[in-house]
Amino acid sequence: MTSEPVILNIKNVGLSDEQFYHLCQTNEDWKLEETAKGELIIMPPVGAISGNRESNFNGYVWLWNLQTKLGKVFSSSTIFTLPNGGKRSPDVAWIANERWDALSIEEQEKFPRICPDFVIELRSRTDSLTQLQDKMQEYLNSGLRLGWLIDPQNQQVEIYRQNQPVEILSLPTILSGEDVLPGFTLDLSLFHD
């Protein structure tokens, strides 16, 4: 089993949303994404260190949301169909209630046609930084309000916001949910190895 993602050019194949959904259901052991450029990315399961970090980040966002009840939190198993055509699965995602509630039950059950308001992407040892940066830009182009690309290998975090340059902070640091996740902070020293 390979530990690096496999990228296939499917631009001329033309998978419909329904076909992509069935492809993912049939291959449930693999994490599949489709970029806006028409690439199919096949990713193996994450290792234990990355899985633990993802779970912790998701837990902190979930706990904040439990207290505020401002939206819905999603795990890395959730695929979102972005307005630009990409089908992406962030490590942690959050969508405000009013945007989520505007979707029909049918839209919510599959790969909803919506970009999260907030995402966290966590770089594992086998992830290409450039590919993750492209993914973050794809989220921004689709309406993302705030995103964090956490990169333990380079001991930094990249903060993505609409109409602003990417801000890079050294780890450890404390991140703020700003006006997107009001009152939320994440102390990244808690995850320092």
N, C-alpha and C. Protein backbone atom coordinates (compact mmCIF):
# COMPACT_ATOMS: atom_id res chain seq x y z
N MET A 1 0.85 -1.18 0.00
CA MET A 1 0.00 0.00 0.00
C MET A 1 0.89 1.24 0.00
N THR A 2 0.61 2.17 -0.87
CA THR A 2 1.37 3.41 -0.95
C THR A 2 0.96 4.37 0.16
N SER A 3 1.89 5.21 0.59
CA SER A 3 1.57 6.19 1.61
C SER A 3 1.45 7.60 1.03
N GLU A 4 1.61 7.72 -0.27
CA GLU A 4 1.48 9.03 -0.92
C GLU A 4 0.24 9.03 -1.80
N PRO A 5 -0.37 10.22 -1.97
CA PRO A 5 -1.57 10.29 -2.81
C PRO A 5 -1.25 9.99 -4.27
N VAL A 6 -2.23 9.46 -4.97
CA VAL A 6 -2.15 9.22 -6.40
C VAL A 6 -3.06 10.25 -7.06
N ILE A 7 -2.55 10.92 -8.10
CA ILE A 7 -3.33 11.95 -8.78
C ILE A 7 -3.56 11.52 -10.23
N LEU A 8 -4.84 11.44 -10.60
CA LEU A 8 -5.22 11.06 -11.96
C LEU A 8 -5.89 12.24 -12.65
N ASN A 9 -5.56 12.46 -13.91
CA ASN A 9 -6.21 13.50 -14.69
C ASN A 9 -7.52 12.92 -15.25
N ILE A 10 -8.65 13.45 -14.79
CA ILE A 10 -9.96 12.97 -15.25
C ILE A 10 -10.75 14.08 -15.93
N LYS A 11 -10.03 15.12 -16.32
CA LYS A 11 -10.68 16.30 -16.92
C LYS A 11 -11.59 15.93 -18.08
N ASN A 12 -11.15 15.04 -18.94
CA ASN A 12 -11.93 14.67 -20.12
C ASN A 12 -12.89 13.50 -19.88
N VAL A 13 -12.88 12.96 -18.66
CA VAL A 13 -13.77 11.85 -18.33
C VAL A 13 -15.18 12.36 -18.03
N GLY A 14 -15.25 13.48 -17.33
CA GLY A 14 -16.55 14.09 -17.05
C GLY A 14 -17.42 13.33 -16.07
N LEU A 15 -16.90 13.06 -14.87
CA LEU A 15 -17.71 12.39 -13.84
C LEU A 15 -18.81 13.33 -13.37
N SER A 16 -20.03 12.86 -13.36
CA SER A 16 -21.13 13.65 -12.79
C SER A 16 -21.02 13.61 -11.27
N ASP A 17 -21.75 14.48 -10.61
CA ASP A 17 -21.78 14.47 -9.14
C ASP A 17 -22.22 13.11 -8.63
N GLU A 18 -23.23 12.53 -9.27
CA GLU A 18 -23.75 11.23 -8.85
C GLU A 18 -22.71 10.13 -9.06
N GLN A 19 -22.00 10.15 -10.19
CA GLN A 19 -20.96 9.14 -10.45
C GLN A 19 -19.82 9.26 -9.44
N PHE A 20 -19.42 10.49 -9.13
CA PHE A 20 -18.36 10.68 -8.14
C PHE A 20 -18.82 10.17 -6.77
N TYR A 21 -20.06 10.44 -6.41
CA TYR A 21 -20.61 9.98 -5.14
C TYR A 21 -20.55 8.44 -5.08
N HIS A 22 -20.97 7.77 -6.15
CA HIS A 22 -20.95 6.30 -6.17
C HIS A 22 -19.52 5.76 -6.17
N LEU A 23 -18.60 6.45 -6.84
CA LEU A 23 -17.20 6.05 -6.83
C LEU A 23 -16.66 6.07 -5.40
N CYS A 24 -17.01 7.11 -4.65
CA CYS A 24 -16.57 7.21 -3.25
C CYS A 24 -17.21 6.13 -2.38
N GLN A 25 -18.49 5.84 -2.60
CA GLN A 25 -19.18 4.82 -1.81
C GLN A 25 -18.62 3.43 -2.09
N THR A 26 -18.24 3.17 -3.33
CA THR A 26 -17.72 1.86 -3.72
C THR A 26 -16.30 1.65 -3.20
N ASN A 27 -15.55 2.74 -3.02
CA ASN A 27 -14.15 2.67 -2.59
C ASN A 27 -14.00 3.35 -1.23
N GLU A 28 -14.76 2.89 -0.26
CA GLU A 28 -14.84 3.56 1.04
C GLU A 28 -13.56 3.51 1.86
N ASP A 29 -12.60 2.63 1.51
CA ASP A 29 -11.34 2.58 2.24
C ASP A 29 -10.38 3.68 1.81
N TRP A 30 -10.71 4.38 0.74
CA TRP A 30 -9.85 5.44 0.22
C TRP A 30 -10.55 6.78 0.35
N LYS A 31 -9.78 7.80 0.62
CA LYS A 31 -10.30 9.16 0.67
C LYS A 31 -10.09 9.75 -0.73
N LEU A 32 -11.19 10.09 -1.38
CA LEU A 32 -11.13 10.61 -2.75
C LEU A 32 -11.55 12.08 -2.76
N GLU A 33 -10.86 12.85 -3.59
CA GLU A 33 -11.23 14.25 -3.83
C GLU A 33 -11.08 14.52 -5.31
N GLU A 34 -11.80 15.53 -5.78
CA GLU A 34 -11.65 15.99 -7.16
C GLU A 34 -11.35 17.48 -7.11
N THR A 35 -10.27 17.88 -7.76
CA THR A 35 -9.91 19.29 -7.77
C THR A 35 -10.74 20.04 -8.81
N ALA A 36 -10.73 21.36 -8.72
CA ALA A 36 -11.43 22.19 -9.70
C ALA A 36 -10.78 22.06 -11.07
N LYS A 37 -9.51 21.62 -11.11
CA LYS A 37 -8.79 21.45 -12.38
C LYS A 37 -9.08 20.10 -13.04
N GLY A 38 -9.92 19.27 -12.42
CA GLY A 38 -10.25 17.98 -13.01
C GLY A 38 -9.26 16.88 -12.69
N GLU A 39 -8.67 16.91 -11.50
CA GLU A 39 -7.78 15.85 -11.07
C GLU A 39 -8.49 15.04 -9.98
N LEU A 40 -8.37 13.73 -10.06
CA LEU A 40 -8.88 12.84 -9.03
C LEU A 40 -7.71 12.52 -8.11
N ILE A 41 -7.85 12.85 -6.83
CA ILE A 41 -6.80 12.58 -5.85
C ILE A 41 -7.24 11.41 -5.00
N ILE A 42 -6.41 10.37 -4.97
CA ILE A 42 -6.68 9.17 -4.19
C ILE A 42 -5.69 9.15 -3.04
N MET A 43 -6.21 9.26 -1.82
CA MET A 43 -5.34 9.35 -0.65
C MET A 43 -5.51 8.12 0.23
N PRO A 44 -4.40 7.59 0.69
CA PRO A 44 -4.50 6.45 1.63
C PRO A 44 -4.96 6.95 2.99
N PRO A 45 -5.35 6.05 3.87
CA PRO A 45 -5.71 6.45 5.23
C PRO A 45 -4.53 7.15 5.91
N VAL A 46 -4.84 8.05 6.86
CA VAL A 46 -3.77 8.77 7.56
C VAL A 46 -3.16 7.88 8.64
N GLY A 47 -1.94 8.22 9.01
CA GLY A 47 -1.27 7.52 10.09
C GLY A 47 -1.81 7.97 11.44
N ALA A 48 -1.36 7.31 12.49
CA ALA A 48 -1.90 7.56 13.82
C ALA A 48 -1.62 8.96 14.35
N ILE A 49 -0.43 9.50 14.10
CA ILE A 49 -0.12 10.84 14.61
C ILE A 49 -1.05 11.87 13.96
N SER A 50 -1.18 11.82 12.64
CA SER A 50 -2.07 12.77 11.95
C SER A 50 -3.52 12.55 12.35
N GLY A 51 -3.92 11.30 12.47
CA GLY A 51 -5.30 11.00 12.86
C GLY A 51 -5.63 11.53 14.25
N ASN A 52 -4.67 11.42 15.16
CA ASN A 52 -4.86 11.94 16.52
C ASN A 52 -4.96 13.46 16.50
N ARG A 53 -4.10 14.10 15.75
CA ARG A 53 -4.15 15.57 15.66
C ARG A 53 -5.47 16.03 15.06
N GLU A 54 -5.88 15.40 13.97
CA GLU A 54 -7.17 15.75 13.34
C GLU A 54 -8.31 15.62 14.34
N SER A 55 -8.32 14.51 15.07
CA SER A 55 -9.37 14.26 16.04
C SER A 55 -9.38 15.34 17.12
N ASN A 56 -8.20 15.71 17.59
CA ASN A 56 -8.12 16.77 18.60
C ASN A 56 -8.65 18.10 18.07
N PHE A 57 -8.22 18.48 16.88
CA PHE A 57 -8.67 19.75 16.30
C PHE A 57 -10.19 19.74 16.13
N ASN A 58 -10.70 18.63 15.62
CA ASN A 58 -12.15 18.51 15.43
C ASN A 58 -12.87 18.61 16.77
N GLY A 59 -12.31 17.99 17.80
CA GLY A 59 -12.92 18.02 19.12
C GLY A 59 -13.00 19.42 19.70
N TYR A 60 -11.96 20.20 19.51
CA TYR A 60 -11.98 21.57 20.03
C TYR A 60 -13.03 22.42 19.32
N VAL A 61 -13.11 22.28 18.00
CA VAL A 61 -14.13 23.04 17.25
C VAL A 61 -15.52 22.55 17.64
N TRP A 62 -15.68 21.24 17.77
CA TRP A 62 -16.98 20.66 18.16
C TRP A 62 -17.42 21.18 19.52
N LEU A 63 -16.49 21.21 20.49
CA LEU A 63 -16.83 21.67 21.83
C LEU A 63 -17.25 23.14 21.82
N TRP A 64 -16.50 23.97 21.09
CA TRP A 64 -16.88 25.39 20.96
C TRP A 64 -18.28 25.50 20.35
N ASN A 65 -18.54 24.72 19.31
CA ASN A 65 -19.84 24.78 18.63
C ASN A 65 -20.96 24.25 19.53
N LEU A 66 -20.67 23.24 20.35
CA LEU A 66 -21.67 22.73 21.29
C LEU A 66 -22.12 23.84 22.23
N GLN A 67 -21.17 24.66 22.64
CA GLN A 67 -21.47 25.75 23.57
C GLN A 67 -22.18 26.92 22.89
N THR A 68 -21.81 27.22 21.64
CA THR A 68 -22.37 28.39 20.95
C THR A 68 -23.60 28.06 20.10
N LYS A 69 -23.65 26.82 19.60
CA LYS A 69 -24.74 26.37 18.72
C LYS A 69 -24.89 27.25 17.48
N LEU A 70 -23.75 27.73 16.95
CA LEU A 70 -23.77 28.65 15.80
C LEU A 70 -23.73 27.96 14.45
N GLY A 71 -23.41 26.65 14.43
CA GLY A 71 -23.29 25.99 13.13
C GLY A 71 -23.17 24.49 13.26
N LYS A 72 -22.58 23.89 12.22
CA LYS A 72 -22.36 22.45 12.16
C LYS A 72 -20.88 22.19 11.92
N VAL A 73 -20.35 21.16 12.60
CA VAL A 73 -18.95 20.77 12.48
C VAL A 73 -18.88 19.46 11.70
N PHE A 74 -17.88 19.33 10.83
CA PHE A 74 -17.75 18.15 9.96
C PHE A 74 -16.34 17.58 10.05
N SER A 75 -16.27 16.26 9.97
CA SER A 75 -14.98 15.56 10.02
C SER A 75 -14.37 15.45 8.63
N SER A 76 -13.18 14.88 8.59
CA SER A 76 -12.46 14.72 7.33
C SER A 76 -13.12 13.71 6.39
N SER A 77 -14.14 13.01 6.86
CA SER A 77 -14.86 12.07 5.99
C SER A 77 -15.89 12.77 5.12
N THR A 78 -16.15 14.05 5.37
CA THR A 78 -17.19 14.78 4.65
C THR A 78 -16.62 15.44 3.40
N ILE A 79 -17.27 15.22 2.27
CA ILE A 79 -16.87 15.85 1.01
C ILE A 79 -17.87 16.95 0.68
N PHE A 80 -17.34 18.12 0.35
CA PHE A 80 -18.15 19.26 -0.06
C PHE A 80 -17.95 19.51 -1.55
N THR A 81 -19.05 19.70 -2.27
CA THR A 81 -18.98 20.07 -3.68
C THR A 81 -18.90 21.60 -3.73
N LEU A 82 -17.74 22.10 -4.09
CA LEU A 82 -17.50 23.53 -4.07
C LEU A 82 -18.09 24.19 -5.31
N PRO A 83 -18.42 25.48 -5.22
CA PRO A 83 -18.99 26.19 -6.37
C PRO A 83 -18.11 26.15 -7.62
N ASN A 84 -16.78 26.02 -7.44
CA ASN A 84 -15.88 25.98 -8.60
C ASN A 84 -15.75 24.59 -9.21
N GLY A 85 -16.50 23.62 -8.69
CA GLY A 85 -16.50 22.27 -9.26
C GLY A 85 -15.67 21.26 -8.50
N GLY A 86 -14.78 21.72 -7.61
CA GLY A 86 -13.99 20.80 -6.82
C GLY A 86 -14.85 20.06 -5.81
N LYS A 87 -14.42 18.88 -5.47
CA LYS A 87 -15.09 18.08 -4.43
C LYS A 87 -14.02 17.80 -3.39
N ARG A 88 -14.09 18.56 -2.28
CA ARG A 88 -13.00 18.58 -1.32
C ARG A 88 -13.44 18.15 0.07
N SER A 89 -12.47 17.61 0.80
CA SER A 89 -12.71 17.06 2.13
C SER A 89 -11.68 17.64 3.10
N PRO A 90 -12.02 18.73 3.79
CA PRO A 90 -11.06 19.28 4.76
C PRO A 90 -10.94 18.40 6.00
N ASP A 91 -9.85 18.55 6.73
CA ASP A 91 -9.66 17.77 7.94
C ASP A 91 -10.69 18.14 9.00
N VAL A 92 -11.01 19.43 9.11
CA VAL A 92 -12.06 19.93 9.99
C VAL A 92 -12.80 21.01 9.21
N ALA A 93 -14.12 21.02 9.29
CA ALA A 93 -14.91 22.05 8.61
C ALA A 93 -16.05 22.51 9.51
N TRP A 94 -16.46 23.76 9.31
CA TRP A 94 -17.58 24.32 10.06
C TRP A 94 -18.39 25.19 9.10
N ILE A 95 -19.73 25.08 9.21
CA ILE A 95 -20.65 25.88 8.40
C ILE A 95 -21.67 26.52 9.33
N ALA A 96 -21.92 27.82 9.15
CA ALA A 96 -22.91 28.54 9.95
C ALA A 96 -24.30 27.95 9.71
N ASN A 97 -25.11 27.93 10.78
CA ASN A 97 -26.45 27.33 10.72
C ASN A 97 -27.29 27.86 9.57
N GLU A 98 -27.33 29.17 9.37
CA GLU A 98 -28.22 29.72 8.34
C GLU A 98 -27.84 29.24 6.94
N ARG A 99 -26.55 29.04 6.69
CA ARG A 99 -26.13 28.53 5.37
C ARG A 99 -26.46 27.03 5.25
N TRP A 100 -26.20 26.27 6.33
CA TRP A 100 -26.48 24.83 6.31
C TRP A 100 -27.98 24.57 6.18
N ASP A 101 -28.77 25.32 6.94
CA ASP A 101 -30.22 25.13 6.94
C ASP A 101 -30.87 25.51 5.61
N ALA A 102 -30.17 26.29 4.80
CA ALA A 102 -30.70 26.67 3.49
C ALA A 102 -30.63 25.51 2.48
N LEU A 103 -29.87 24.45 2.82
CA LEU A 103 -29.78 23.28 1.94
C LEU A 103 -30.95 22.34 2.22
N SER A 104 -31.39 21.66 1.18
CA SER A 104 -32.44 20.65 1.36
C SER A 104 -31.84 19.43 2.06
N ILE A 105 -32.71 18.58 2.61
CA ILE A 105 -32.26 17.33 3.24
C ILE A 105 -31.50 16.48 2.23
N GLU A 106 -31.98 16.43 0.99
CA GLU A 106 -31.31 15.65 -0.06
C GLU A 106 -29.90 16.16 -0.29
N GLU A 107 -29.73 17.51 -0.30
CA GLU A 107 -28.39 18.09 -0.50
C GLU A 107 -27.49 17.78 0.70
N GLN A 108 -28.05 17.81 1.89
CA GLN A 108 -27.26 17.55 3.09
C GLN A 108 -26.81 16.09 3.19
N GLU A 109 -27.56 15.17 2.61
CA GLU A 109 -27.26 13.74 2.75
C GLU A 109 -26.09 13.27 1.91
N LYS A 110 -25.82 13.92 0.80
CA LYS A 110 -24.73 13.45 -0.07
C LYS A 110 -23.50 14.34 0.12
N PHE A 111 -22.96 14.90 -0.96
CA PHE A 111 -21.82 15.80 -0.91
C PHE A 111 -22.36 17.20 -1.15
N PRO A 112 -22.72 17.92 -0.09
CA PRO A 112 -23.46 19.17 -0.25
C PRO A 112 -22.72 20.20 -1.12
N ARG A 113 -23.48 20.90 -1.90
CA ARG A 113 -22.97 21.92 -2.80
C ARG A 113 -22.83 23.23 -2.01
N ILE A 114 -21.73 23.29 -1.22
CA ILE A 114 -21.49 24.44 -0.35
C ILE A 114 -20.01 24.43 0.05
N CYS A 115 -19.46 25.62 0.23
CA CYS A 115 -18.10 25.73 0.77
C CYS A 115 -18.21 26.03 2.26
N PRO A 116 -17.45 25.34 3.08
CA PRO A 116 -17.48 25.66 4.51
C PRO A 116 -17.08 27.12 4.77
N ASP A 117 -17.54 27.65 5.89
CA ASP A 117 -17.13 28.99 6.32
C ASP A 117 -15.71 28.95 6.90
N PHE A 118 -15.36 27.80 7.51
CA PHE A 118 -14.08 27.65 8.20
C PHE A 118 -13.55 26.24 7.95
N VAL A 119 -12.24 26.13 7.70
CA VAL A 119 -11.61 24.82 7.56
C VAL A 119 -10.25 24.80 8.26
N ILE A 120 -9.87 23.60 8.66
CA ILE A 120 -8.50 23.33 9.09
C ILE A 120 -7.98 22.23 8.19
N GLU A 121 -6.81 22.46 7.62
CA GLU A 121 -6.07 21.42 6.91
C GLU A 121 -4.80 21.17 7.69
N LEU A 122 -4.52 19.92 7.97
CA LEU A 122 -3.34 19.52 8.73
C LEU A 122 -2.40 18.78 7.79
N ARG A 123 -1.20 19.29 7.64
CA ARG A 123 -0.22 18.64 6.76
C ARG A 123 0.41 17.45 7.47
N SER A 124 0.28 16.28 6.84
CA SER A 124 0.98 15.09 7.35
C SER A 124 2.32 14.99 6.63
N ARG A 125 3.15 14.07 7.06
CA ARG A 125 4.50 13.95 6.49
C ARG A 125 4.49 13.66 4.99
N THR A 126 3.47 13.00 4.50
CA THR A 126 3.44 12.64 3.08
C THR A 126 2.71 13.68 2.21
N ASP A 127 2.13 14.71 2.82
CA ASP A 127 1.39 15.71 2.05
C ASP A 127 2.33 16.72 1.40
N SER A 128 2.03 17.06 0.17
CA SER A 128 2.75 18.12 -0.53
C SER A 128 2.21 19.46 -0.03
N LEU A 129 3.11 20.33 0.43
CA LEU A 129 2.70 21.65 0.90
C LEU A 129 2.05 22.44 -0.22
N THR A 130 2.61 22.38 -1.41
CA THR A 130 2.06 23.11 -2.56
C THR A 130 0.64 22.66 -2.88
N GLN A 131 0.38 21.35 -2.84
CA GLN A 131 -0.96 20.85 -3.10
C GLN A 131 -1.95 21.31 -2.04
N LEU A 132 -1.53 21.35 -0.78
CA LEU A 132 -2.41 21.84 0.29
C LEU A 132 -2.65 23.34 0.15
N GLN A 133 -1.64 24.09 -0.25
CA GLN A 133 -1.82 25.53 -0.46
C GLN A 133 -2.79 25.77 -1.62
N ASP A 134 -2.69 24.95 -2.68
CA ASP A 134 -3.64 25.05 -3.80
C ASP A 134 -5.06 24.73 -3.32
N LYS A 135 -5.18 23.74 -2.46
CA LYS A 135 -6.48 23.36 -1.91
C LYS A 135 -7.07 24.51 -1.09
N MET A 136 -6.25 25.16 -0.27
CA MET A 136 -6.71 26.30 0.52
C MET A 136 -7.17 27.44 -0.39
N GLN A 137 -6.44 27.66 -1.48
CA GLN A 137 -6.83 28.71 -2.42
C GLN A 137 -8.15 28.35 -3.11
N GLU A 138 -8.35 27.06 -3.37
CA GLU A 138 -9.61 26.60 -3.95
C GLU A 138 -10.78 26.88 -3.00
N TYR A 139 -10.56 26.66 -1.71
CA TYR A 139 -11.59 27.01 -0.72
C TYR A 139 -11.87 28.52 -0.74
N LEU A 140 -10.80 29.33 -0.74
CA LEU A 140 -10.99 30.78 -0.76
C LEU A 140 -11.77 31.22 -1.99
N ASN A 141 -11.42 30.67 -3.14
CA ASN A 141 -12.12 31.02 -4.39
C ASN A 141 -13.58 30.60 -4.37
N SER A 142 -13.92 29.69 -3.46
CA SER A 142 -15.30 29.18 -3.35
C SER A 142 -16.09 29.84 -2.23
N GLY A 143 -15.48 30.79 -1.50
CA GLY A 143 -16.21 31.52 -0.47
C GLY A 143 -15.78 31.27 0.96
N LEU A 144 -14.71 30.51 1.19
CA LEU A 144 -14.21 30.29 2.54
C LEU A 144 -13.96 31.63 3.22
N ARG A 145 -14.36 31.72 4.50
CA ARG A 145 -14.15 32.96 5.25
C ARG A 145 -12.85 32.93 6.07
N LEU A 146 -12.49 31.75 6.61
CA LEU A 146 -11.28 31.62 7.41
C LEU A 146 -10.77 30.20 7.30
N GLY A 147 -9.47 30.06 7.08
CA GLY A 147 -8.88 28.73 7.00
C GLY A 147 -7.49 28.70 7.60
N TRP A 148 -7.17 27.57 8.23
CA TRP A 148 -5.85 27.38 8.83
C TRP A 148 -5.19 26.15 8.20
N LEU A 149 -4.01 26.34 7.64
CA LEU A 149 -3.19 25.24 7.14
C LEU A 149 -2.07 25.05 8.16
N ILE A 150 -2.19 24.00 8.96
CA ILE A 150 -1.25 23.73 10.04
C ILE A 150 -0.18 22.78 9.51
N ASP A 151 1.08 23.22 9.58
CA ASP A 151 2.21 22.51 8.98
C ASP A 151 3.25 22.19 10.06
N PRO A 152 3.11 21.03 10.74
CA PRO A 152 4.07 20.67 11.79
C PRO A 152 5.50 20.49 11.26
N GLN A 153 5.66 20.06 10.00
CA GLN A 153 7.00 19.83 9.45
C GLN A 153 7.81 21.13 9.40
N ASN A 154 7.18 22.23 9.01
CA ASN A 154 7.86 23.52 8.94
C ASN A 154 7.60 24.38 10.17
N GLN A 155 6.89 23.81 11.17
CA GLN A 155 6.59 24.51 12.41
C GLN A 155 5.93 25.87 12.16
N GLN A 156 4.88 25.84 11.30
CA GLN A 156 4.17 27.07 11.00
C GLN A 156 2.71 26.80 10.69
N VAL A 157 1.92 27.86 10.71
CA VAL A 157 0.52 27.80 10.32
C VAL A 157 0.29 28.94 9.34
N GLU A 158 -0.45 28.64 8.27
CA GLU A 158 -0.83 29.65 7.29
C GLU A 158 -2.30 29.97 7.52
N ILE A 159 -2.61 31.26 7.63
CA ILE A 159 -3.98 31.69 7.87
C ILE A 159 -4.52 32.33 6.60
N TYR A 160 -5.65 31.80 6.13
CA TYR A 160 -6.29 32.24 4.89
C TYR A 160 -7.56 33.00 5.21
N ARG A 161 -7.69 34.20 4.62
CA ARG A 161 -8.88 35.04 4.80
C ARG A 161 -9.23 35.64 3.44
N GLN A 162 -10.52 35.96 3.26
CA GLN A 162 -10.97 36.57 2.02
C GLN A 162 -10.27 37.91 1.79
N ASN A 163 -9.81 38.13 0.56
CA ASN A 163 -9.23 39.41 0.11
C ASN A 163 -8.07 39.90 0.96
N GLN A 164 -7.30 38.97 1.51
CA GLN A 164 -6.12 39.33 2.30
C GLN A 164 -4.98 38.39 1.94
N PRO A 165 -3.75 38.88 2.06
CA PRO A 165 -2.62 37.97 1.84
C PRO A 165 -2.58 36.90 2.92
N VAL A 166 -2.00 35.77 2.60
CA VAL A 166 -1.86 34.68 3.57
C VAL A 166 -0.92 35.14 4.69
N GLU A 167 -1.34 34.93 5.92
CA GLU A 167 -0.52 35.26 7.08
C GLU A 167 0.15 33.98 7.56
N ILE A 168 1.45 34.04 7.83
CA ILE A 168 2.20 32.87 8.29
C ILE A 168 2.72 33.15 9.69
N LEU A 169 2.38 32.25 10.62
CA LEU A 169 2.83 32.35 12.01
C LEU A 169 3.67 31.13 12.36
N SER A 170 4.68 31.32 13.20
CA SER A 170 5.49 30.20 13.68
C SER A 170 4.76 29.47 14.79
N LEU A 171 4.99 28.16 14.86
CA LEU A 171 4.45 27.35 15.94
C LEU A 171 5.44 27.33 17.09
N PRO A 172 4.98 27.24 18.34
CA PRO A 172 3.57 27.21 18.74
C PRO A 172 2.98 28.62 18.75
N THR A 173 1.68 28.70 18.60
CA THR A 173 0.98 29.98 18.62
C THR A 173 -0.45 29.74 19.06
N ILE A 174 -1.16 30.80 19.33
CA ILE A 174 -2.58 30.71 19.66
C ILE A 174 -3.36 31.35 18.52
N LEU A 175 -4.29 30.59 17.95
CA LEU A 175 -5.09 31.06 16.83
C LEU A 175 -6.45 31.51 17.32
N SER A 176 -7.00 32.50 16.63
CA SER A 176 -8.32 33.03 16.97
C SER A 176 -9.31 32.73 15.85
N GLY A 177 -10.53 32.39 16.24
CA GLY A 177 -11.59 32.17 15.26
C GLY A 177 -12.14 33.46 14.68
N GLU A 178 -11.63 34.57 15.17
CA GLU A 178 -11.98 35.91 14.68
C GLU A 178 -13.49 36.08 14.67
N ASP A 179 -14.04 36.74 13.66
CA ASP A 179 -15.49 36.95 13.61
C ASP A 179 -16.23 35.77 12.99
N VAL A 180 -15.49 34.78 12.49
CA VAL A 180 -16.11 33.60 11.89
C VAL A 180 -16.54 32.62 12.99
N LEU A 181 -15.64 32.35 13.93
CA LEU A 181 -15.92 31.50 15.09
C LEU A 181 -15.71 32.38 16.33
N PRO A 182 -16.67 33.23 16.66
CA PRO A 182 -16.47 34.19 17.75
C PRO A 182 -16.20 33.52 19.09
N GLY A 183 -15.12 33.97 19.73
CA GLY A 183 -14.76 33.44 21.03
C GLY A 183 -13.91 32.17 20.99
N PHE A 184 -13.68 31.60 19.81
CA PHE A 184 -12.91 30.37 19.70
C PHE A 184 -11.42 30.69 19.61
N THR A 185 -10.62 30.00 20.42
CA THR A 185 -9.16 30.07 20.30
C THR A 185 -8.61 28.66 20.32
N LEU A 186 -7.48 28.49 19.69
CA LEU A 186 -6.82 27.18 19.65
C LEU A 186 -5.35 27.40 19.97
N ASP A 187 -4.92 26.83 21.07
CA ASP A 187 -3.53 26.93 21.52
C ASP A 187 -2.76 25.78 20.89
N LEU A 188 -1.96 26.10 19.87
CA LEU A 188 -1.24 25.04 19.16
C LEU A 188 -0.04 24.50 19.93
N SER A 189 0.30 25.10 21.07
CA SER A 189 1.34 24.51 21.90
C SER A 189 0.87 23.19 22.51
N LEU A 190 -0.46 23.00 22.60
CA LEU A 190 -1.02 21.76 23.13
C LEU A 190 -0.72 20.57 22.21
N PHE A 191 -0.41 20.86 20.94
CA PHE A 191 -0.19 19.79 19.97
C PHE A 191 1.26 19.68 19.56
N HIS A 192 2.12 20.35 20.27
CA HIS A 192 3.54 20.35 19.96
C HIS A 192 4.15 19.02 20.40
N ASP A 193 4.89 18.42 19.49
CA ASP A 193 5.53 17.12 19.82
C ASP A 193 6.80 17.32 20.61
